[in-house]
Amino acid sequence: MIKYVFKVDGMMCGNCEKHAVEAVKKAVSVKTAVASHIDKTVEITAKKPVDENAVKLAIEDRGYAVLGVEKFDI
């Protein structure tokens, strides 16, 4: 399993979190996707590597800024 943590600026509420997660799920195949406007993150777990750029573009298309990404093997 692989975990990605995208640092995202611009999410202000639960609806923003929902929009970011929907965008990610449409862009790439993931096991889970969870967004937090408080932590300013979108966390993704996947069975195999995902296209980080596709995730970034999907989130940014919703009006949020992706500031960076960290990747962890879990």
PDB file of N, CA and C in Angstrom:
ATOM      1  N   MET A   1       0.837  -1.185   0.000  1.00  0.00           N
ATOM      2  CA  MET A   1       0.000   0.000   0.000  1.00  0.00           C
ATOM      3  C   MET A   1       0.879   1.243   0.000  1.00  0.00           C
ATOM      4  N   ILE A   2       0.352   2.281  -0.581  1.00  0.00           N
ATOM      5  CA  ILE A   2       1.061   3.552  -0.641  1.00  0.00           C
ATOM      6  C   ILE A   2       0.133   4.642  -0.121  1.00  0.00           C
ATOM      7  N   LYS A   3       0.692   5.522   0.695  1.00  0.00           N
ATOM      8  CA  LYS A   3      -0.064   6.653   1.226  1.00  0.00           C
ATOM      9  C   LYS A   3       0.545   7.938   0.677  1.00  0.00           C
ATOM     10  N   TYR A   4      -0.322   8.817   0.200  1.00  0.00           N
ATOM     11  CA  TYR A   4       0.085  10.133  -0.283  1.00  0.00           C
ATOM     12  C   TYR A   4      -0.585  11.181   0.591  1.00  0.00           C
ATOM     13  N   VAL A   5       0.160  12.199   0.961  1.00  0.00           N
ATOM     14  CA  VAL A   5      -0.404  13.316   1.700  1.00  0.00           C
ATOM     15  C   VAL A   5      -0.135  14.580   0.883  1.00  0.00           C
ATOM     16  N   PHE A   6      -1.199  15.117   0.321  1.00  0.00           N
ATOM     17  CA  PHE A   6      -1.113  16.343  -0.458  1.00  0.00           C
ATOM     18  C   PHE A   6      -1.423  17.524   0.457  1.00  0.00           C
ATOM     19  N   LYS A   7      -0.537  18.517   0.484  1.00  0.00           N
ATOM     20  CA  LYS A   7      -0.786  19.754   1.226  1.00  0.00           C
ATOM     21  C   LYS A   7      -1.616  20.649   0.318  1.00  0.00           C
ATOM     22  N   VAL A   8      -2.805  21.037   0.792  1.00  0.00           N
ATOM     23  CA  VAL A   8      -3.741  21.772  -0.047  1.00  0.00           C
ATOM     24  C   VAL A   8      -4.187  23.051   0.659  1.00  0.00           C
ATOM     25  N   ASP A   9      -4.077  24.152  -0.041  1.00  0.00           N
ATOM     26  CA  ASP A   9      -4.502  25.439   0.496  1.00  0.00           C
ATOM     27  C   ASP A   9      -5.811  25.850  -0.176  1.00  0.00           C
ATOM     28  N   GLY A  10      -6.696  26.457   0.587  1.00  0.00           N
ATOM     29  CA  GLY A  10      -7.933  26.991   0.026  1.00  0.00           C
ATOM     30  C   GLY A  10      -9.195  26.281   0.456  1.00  0.00           C
ATOM     31  N   MET A  11      -9.088  25.111   1.086  1.00  0.00           N
ATOM     32  CA  MET A  11     -10.289  24.437   1.577  1.00  0.00           C
ATOM     33  C   MET A  11     -10.740  25.134   2.857  1.00  0.00           C
ATOM     34  N   MET A  12     -12.019  25.465   2.930  1.00  0.00           N
ATOM     35  CA  MET A  12     -12.526  26.229   4.069  1.00  0.00           C
ATOM     36  C   MET A  12     -13.590  25.509   4.901  1.00  0.00           C
ATOM     37  N   CYS A  13     -14.125  24.384   4.371  1.00  0.00           N
ATOM     38  CA  CYS A  13     -15.237  23.743   5.082  1.00  0.00           C
ATOM     39  C   CYS A  13     -15.389  22.286   4.634  1.00  0.00           C
ATOM     40  N   GLY A  14     -16.382  21.646   5.178  1.00  0.00           N
ATOM     41  CA  GLY A  14     -16.662  20.257   4.834  1.00  0.00           C
ATOM     42  C   GLY A  14     -17.027  20.068   3.367  1.00  0.00           C
ATOM     43  N   ASN A  15     -17.715  21.045   2.786  1.00  0.00           N
ATOM     44  CA  ASN A  15     -18.051  20.934   1.366  1.00  0.00           C
ATOM     45  C   ASN A  15     -16.799  20.990   0.503  1.00  0.00           C
ATOM     46  N   CYS A  16     -15.841  21.817   0.898  1.00  0.00           N
ATOM     47  CA  CYS A  16     -14.568  21.873   0.176  1.00  0.00           C
ATOM     48  C   CYS A  16     -13.878  20.514   0.232  1.00  0.00           C
ATOM     49  N   GLU A  17     -13.892  19.901   1.407  1.00  0.00           N
ATOM     50  CA  GLU A  17     -13.300  18.569   1.567  1.00  0.00           C
ATOM     51  C   GLU A  17     -13.967  17.578   0.616  1.00  0.00           C
ATOM     52  N   LYS A  18     -15.288  17.612   0.565  1.00  0.00           N
ATOM     53  CA  LYS A  18     -16.049  16.710  -0.296  1.00  0.00           C
ATOM     54  C   LYS A  18     -15.680  16.917  -1.759  1.00  0.00           C
ATOM     55  N   HIS A  19     -15.575  18.163  -2.185  1.00  0.00           N
ATOM     56  CA  HIS A  19     -15.230  18.460  -3.576  1.00  0.00           C
ATOM     57  C   HIS A  19     -13.827  17.961  -3.922  1.00  0.00           C
ATOM     58  N   ALA A  20     -12.883  18.133  -3.008  1.00  0.00           N
ATOM     59  CA  ALA A  20     -11.511  17.677  -3.247  1.00  0.00           C
ATOM     60  C   ALA A  20     -11.465  16.153  -3.365  1.00  0.00           C
ATOM     61  N   VAL A  21     -12.165  15.454  -2.478  1.00  0.00           N
ATOM     62  CA  VAL A  21     -12.183  13.987  -2.512  1.00  0.00           C
ATOM     63  C   VAL A  21     -12.845  13.489  -3.802  1.00  0.00           C
ATOM     64  N   GLU A  22     -13.953  14.097  -4.197  1.00  0.00           N
ATOM     65  CA  GLU A  22     -14.621  13.702  -5.444  1.00  0.00           C
ATOM     66  C   GLU A  22     -13.690  13.881  -6.636  1.00  0.00           C
ATOM     67  N   ALA A  23     -12.955  14.973  -6.654  1.00  0.00           N
ATOM     68  CA  ALA A  23     -12.028  15.241  -7.759  1.00  0.00           C
ATOM     69  C   ALA A  23     -10.945  14.176  -7.827  1.00  0.00           C
ATOM     70  N   VAL A  24     -10.400  13.820  -6.676  1.00  0.00           N
ATOM     71  CA  VAL A  24      -9.345  12.800  -6.625  1.00  0.00           C
ATOM     72  C   VAL A  24      -9.874  11.457  -7.113  1.00  0.00           C
ATOM     73  N   LYS A  25     -11.033  11.069  -6.634  1.00  0.00           N
ATOM     74  CA  LYS A  25     -11.593   9.768  -6.999  1.00  0.00           C
ATOM     75  C   LYS A  25     -11.928   9.673  -8.483  1.00  0.00           C
ATOM     76  N   LYS A  26     -12.241  10.801  -9.114  1.00  0.00           N
ATOM     77  CA  LYS A  26     -12.490  10.796 -10.554  1.00  0.00           C
ATOM     78  C   LYS A  26     -11.185  10.734 -11.341  1.00  0.00           C
ATOM     79  N   ALA A  27     -10.109  11.258 -10.759  1.00  0.00           N
ATOM     80  CA  ALA A  27      -8.832  11.356 -11.477  1.00  0.00           C
ATOM     81  C   ALA A  27      -8.018  10.065 -11.448  1.00  0.00           C
ATOM     82  N   VAL A  28      -8.016   9.383 -10.297  1.00  0.00           N
ATOM     83  CA  VAL A  28      -7.175   8.188 -10.144  1.00  0.00           C
ATOM     84  C   VAL A  28      -7.907   7.135  -9.318  1.00  0.00           C
ATOM     85  N   SER A  29      -7.438   5.900  -9.418  1.00  0.00           N
ATOM     86  CA  SER A  29      -8.014   4.799  -8.653  1.00  0.00           C
ATOM     87  C   SER A  29      -7.337   4.736  -7.284  1.00  0.00           C
ATOM     88  N   VAL A  30      -8.124   4.926  -6.224  1.00  0.00           N
ATOM     89  CA  VAL A  30      -7.593   4.923  -4.866  1.00  0.00           C
ATOM     90  C   VAL A  30      -8.424   4.001  -3.989  1.00  0.00           C
ATOM     91  N   LYS A  31      -7.812   3.534  -2.906  1.00  0.00           N
ATOM     92  CA  LYS A  31      -8.554   2.740  -1.928  1.00  0.00           C
ATOM     93  C   LYS A  31      -9.342   3.681  -1.031  1.00  0.00           C
ATOM     94  N   THR A  32      -8.658   4.724  -0.520  1.00  0.00           N
ATOM     95  CA  THR A  32      -9.344   5.725   0.304  1.00  0.00           C
ATOM     96  C   THR A  32      -8.827   7.113  -0.055  1.00  0.00           C
ATOM     97  N   ALA A  33      -9.675   8.093   0.179  1.00  0.00           N
ATOM     98  CA  ALA A  33      -9.293   9.500   0.039  1.00  0.00           C
ATOM     99  C   ALA A  33     -10.025  10.276   1.127  1.00  0.00           C
ATOM    100  N   VAL A  34      -9.256  11.030   1.911  1.00  0.00           N
ATOM    101  CA  VAL A  34      -9.830  11.812   3.009  1.00  0.00           C
ATOM    102  C   VAL A  34      -9.215  13.207   2.974  1.00  0.00           C
ATOM    103  N   ALA A  35     -10.066  14.213   3.045  1.00  0.00           N
ATOM    104  CA  ALA A  35      -9.588  15.594   3.055  1.00  0.00           C
ATOM    105  C   ALA A  35      -9.872  16.236   4.407  1.00  0.00           C
ATOM    106  N   SER A  36      -9.014  17.164   4.804  1.00  0.00           N
ATOM    107  CA  SER A  36      -9.203  17.920   6.041  1.00  0.00           C
ATOM    108  C   SER A  36      -8.894  19.389   5.784  1.00  0.00           C
ATOM    109  N   HIS A  37      -9.921  20.232   5.897  1.00  0.00           N
ATOM    110  CA  HIS A  37      -9.664  21.663   5.713  1.00  0.00           C
ATOM    111  C   HIS A  37      -8.902  22.232   6.911  1.00  0.00           C
ATOM    112  N   ILE A  38      -9.009  21.594   8.054  1.00  0.00           N
ATOM    113  CA  ILE A  38      -8.292  22.048   9.251  1.00  0.00           C
ATOM    114  C   ILE A  38      -6.797  21.760   9.113  1.00  0.00           C
ATOM    115  N   ASP A  39      -6.461  20.538   8.684  1.00  0.00           N
ATOM    116  CA  ASP A  39      -5.054  20.158   8.510  1.00  0.00           C
ATOM    117  C   ASP A  39      -4.492  20.603   7.164  1.00  0.00           C
ATOM    118  N   LYS A  40      -5.386  21.049   6.275  1.00  0.00           N
ATOM    119  CA  LYS A  40      -5.008  21.459   4.914  1.00  0.00           C
ATOM    120  C   LYS A  40      -4.341  20.316   4.152  1.00  0.00           C
ATOM    121  N   THR A  41      -4.976  19.140   4.218  1.00  0.00           N
ATOM    122  CA  THR A  41      -4.433  17.971   3.548  1.00  0.00           C
ATOM    123  C   THR A  41      -5.509  17.172   2.816  1.00  0.00           C
ATOM    124  N   VAL A  42      -5.054  16.439   1.820  1.00  0.00           N
ATOM    125  CA  VAL A  42      -5.846  15.385   1.200  1.00  0.00           C
ATOM    126  C   VAL A  42      -4.964  14.145   1.272  1.00  0.00           C
ATOM    127  N   GLU A  43      -5.420  13.129   2.006  1.00  0.00           N
ATOM    128  CA  GLU A  43      -4.663  11.891   2.174  1.00  0.00           C
ATOM    129  C   GLU A  43      -5.290  10.802   1.318  1.00  0.00           C
ATOM    130  N   ILE A  44      -4.438  10.114   0.582  1.00  0.00           N
ATOM    131  CA  ILE A  44      -4.872   9.059  -0.329  1.00  0.00           C
ATOM    132  C   ILE A  44      -4.120   7.786   0.012  1.00  0.00           C
ATOM    133  N   THR A  45      -4.810   6.657   0.001  1.00  0.00           N
ATOM    134  CA  THR A  45      -4.131   5.361   0.057  1.00  0.00           C
ATOM    135  C   THR A  45      -4.509   4.598  -1.209  1.00  0.00           C
ATOM    136  N   ALA A  46      -3.519   3.906  -1.750  1.00  0.00           N
ATOM    137  CA  ALA A  46      -3.728   3.158  -2.983  1.00  0.00           C
ATOM    138  C   ALA A  46      -2.909   1.878  -2.945  1.00  0.00           C
ATOM    139  N   LYS A  47      -3.363   0.898  -3.704  1.00  0.00           N
ATOM    140  CA  LYS A  47      -2.650  -0.381  -3.767  1.00  0.00           C
ATOM    141  C   LYS A  47      -1.382  -0.269  -4.605  1.00  0.00           C
ATOM    142  N   LYS A  48      -1.397   0.622  -5.592  1.00  0.00           N
ATOM    143  CA  LYS A  48      -0.222   0.822  -6.446  1.00  0.00           C
ATOM    144  C   LYS A  48      -0.030   2.318  -6.667  1.00  0.00           C
ATOM    145  N   PRO A  49       1.126   2.719  -7.161  1.00  0.00           N
ATOM    146  CA  PRO A  49       1.390   4.153  -7.339  1.00  0.00           C
ATOM    147  C   PRO A  49       0.335   4.849  -8.198  1.00  0.00           C
ATOM    148  N   VAL A  50       0.019   6.082  -7.836  1.00  0.00           N
ATOM    149  CA  VAL A  50      -0.922   6.888  -8.604  1.00  0.00           C
ATOM    150  C   VAL A  50      -0.155   8.023  -9.287  1.00  0.00           C
ATOM    151  N   ASP A  51      -0.761   8.591 -10.290  1.00  0.00           N
ATOM    152  CA  ASP A  51      -0.180   9.724 -11.006  1.00  0.00           C
ATOM    153  C   ASP A  51      -0.366  10.978 -10.143  1.00  0.00           C
ATOM    154  N   GLU A  52       0.697  11.373  -9.461  1.00  0.00           N
ATOM    155  CA  GLU A  52       0.620  12.518  -8.545  1.00  0.00           C
ATOM    156  C   GLU A  52       0.207  13.785  -9.275  1.00  0.00           C
ATOM    157  N   ASN A  53       0.663  13.951 -10.508  1.00  0.00           N
ATOM    158  CA  ASN A  53       0.314  15.144 -11.269  1.00  0.00           C
ATOM    159  C   ASN A  53      -1.172  15.173 -11.598  1.00  0.00           C
ATOM    160  N   ALA A  54      -1.755  14.013 -11.894  1.00  0.00           N
ATOM    161  CA  ALA A  54      -3.189  13.939 -12.183  1.00  0.00           C
ATOM    162  C   ALA A  54      -3.995  14.332 -10.946  1.00  0.00           C
ATOM    163  N   VAL A  55      -3.543  13.894  -9.768  1.00  0.00           N
ATOM    164  CA  VAL A  55      -4.218  14.259  -8.520  1.00  0.00           C
ATOM    165  C   VAL A  55      -4.109  15.767  -8.305  1.00  0.00           C
ATOM    166  N   LYS A  56      -2.914  16.292  -8.482  1.00  0.00           N
ATOM    167  CA  LYS A  56      -2.681  17.726  -8.304  1.00  0.00           C
ATOM    168  C   LYS A  56      -3.585  18.544  -9.226  1.00  0.00           C
ATOM    169  N   LEU A  57      -3.621  18.170 -10.493  1.00  0.00           N
ATOM    170  CA  LEU A  57      -4.454  18.898 -11.448  1.00  0.00           C
ATOM    171  C   LEU A  57      -5.939  18.808 -11.103  1.00  0.00           C
ATOM    172  N   ALA A  58      -6.384  17.636 -10.659  1.00  0.00           N
ATOM    173  CA  ALA A  58      -7.789  17.458 -10.296  1.00  0.00           C
ATOM    174  C   ALA A  58      -8.167  18.351  -9.125  1.00  0.00           C
ATOM    175  N   ILE A  59      -7.297  18.420  -8.121  1.00  0.00           N
ATOM    176  CA  ILE A  59      -7.563  19.270  -6.953  1.00  0.00           C
ATOM    177  C   ILE A  59      -7.529  20.740  -7.360  1.00  0.00           C
ATOM    178  N   GLU A  60      -6.548  21.114  -8.171  1.00  0.00           N
ATOM    179  CA  GLU A  60      -6.432  22.510  -8.587  1.00  0.00           C
ATOM    180  C   GLU A  60      -7.571  22.933  -9.503  1.00  0.00           C
ATOM    181  N   ASP A  61      -8.129  21.999 -10.263  1.00  0.00           N
ATOM    182  CA  ASP A  61      -9.285  22.312 -11.114  1.00  0.00           C
ATOM    183  C   ASP A  61     -10.506  22.684 -10.277  1.00  0.00           C
ATOM    184  N   ARG A  62     -10.521  22.254  -9.024  1.00  0.00           N
ATOM    185  CA  ARG A  62     -11.618  22.600  -8.119  1.00  0.00           C
ATOM    186  C   ARG A  62     -11.380  23.939  -7.412  1.00  0.00           C
ATOM    187  N   GLY A  63     -10.236  24.568  -7.702  1.00  0.00           N
ATOM    188  CA  GLY A  63      -9.978  25.900  -7.159  1.00  0.00           C
ATOM    189  C   GLY A  63      -9.056  25.942  -5.953  1.00  0.00           C
ATOM    190  N   TYR A  64      -8.434  24.824  -5.621  1.00  0.00           N
ATOM    191  CA  TYR A  64      -7.530  24.774  -4.476  1.00  0.00           C
ATOM    192  C   TYR A  64      -6.085  24.721  -4.965  1.00  0.00           C
ATOM    193  N   ALA A  65      -5.160  25.119  -4.122  1.00  0.00           N
ATOM    194  CA  ALA A  65      -3.741  25.122  -4.472  1.00  0.00           C
ATOM    195  C   ALA A  65      -3.041  23.944  -3.803  1.00  0.00           C
ATOM    196  N   VAL A  66      -2.358  23.134  -4.585  1.00  0.00           N
ATOM    197  CA  VAL A  66      -1.564  22.028  -4.036  1.00  0.00           C
ATOM    198  C   VAL A  66      -0.153  22.555  -3.806  1.00  0.00           C
ATOM    199  N   LEU A  67       0.279  22.541  -2.544  1.00  0.00           N
ATOM    200  CA  LEU A  67       1.566  23.109  -2.160  1.00  0.00           C
ATOM    201  C   LEU A  67       2.684  22.076  -2.132  1.00  0.00           C
ATOM    202  N   GLY A  68       2.321  20.797  -2.092  1.00  0.00           N
ATOM    203  CA  GLY A  68       3.333  19.747  -2.052  1.00  0.00           C
ATOM    204  C   GLY A  68       2.692  18.404  -1.799  1.00  0.00           C
ATOM    205  N   VAL A  69       3.527  17.357  -1.888  1.00  0.00           N
ATOM    206  CA  VAL A  69       3.036  15.998  -1.654  1.00  0.00           C
ATOM    207  C   VAL A  69       4.142  15.177  -1.008  1.00  0.00           C
ATOM    208  N   GLU A  70       3.728  14.314  -0.082  1.00  0.00           N
ATOM    209  CA  GLU A  70       4.635  13.352   0.532  1.00  0.00           C
ATOM    210  C   GLU A  70       4.099  11.963   0.225  1.00  0.00           C
ATOM    211  N   LYS A  71       5.020  11.011   0.049  1.00  0.00           N
ATOM    212  CA  LYS A  71       4.643   9.645  -0.309  1.00  0.00           C
ATOM    213  C   LYS A  71       5.258   8.691   0.723  1.00  0.00           C
ATOM    214  N   PHE A  72       4.443   7.739   1.201  1.00  0.00           N
ATOM    215  CA  PHE A  72       4.891   6.777   2.218  1.00  0.00           C
ATOM    216  C   PHE A  72       4.481   5.368   1.807  1.00  0.00           C
ATOM    217  N   ASP A  73       5.364   4.402   1.982  1.00  0.00           N
ATOM    218  CA  ASP A  73       5.003   2.991   1.840  1.00  0.00           C
ATOM    219  C   ASP A  73       4.427   2.534   3.173  1.00  0.00           C
ATOM    220  N   ILE A  74       3.240   1.934   3.124  1.00  0.00           N
ATOM    221  CA  ILE A  74       2.616   1.470   4.368  1.00  0.00           C
ATOM    222  C   ILE A  74       2.288  -0.005   4.280  1.00  0.00           C
TER     223      ILE A  74
END
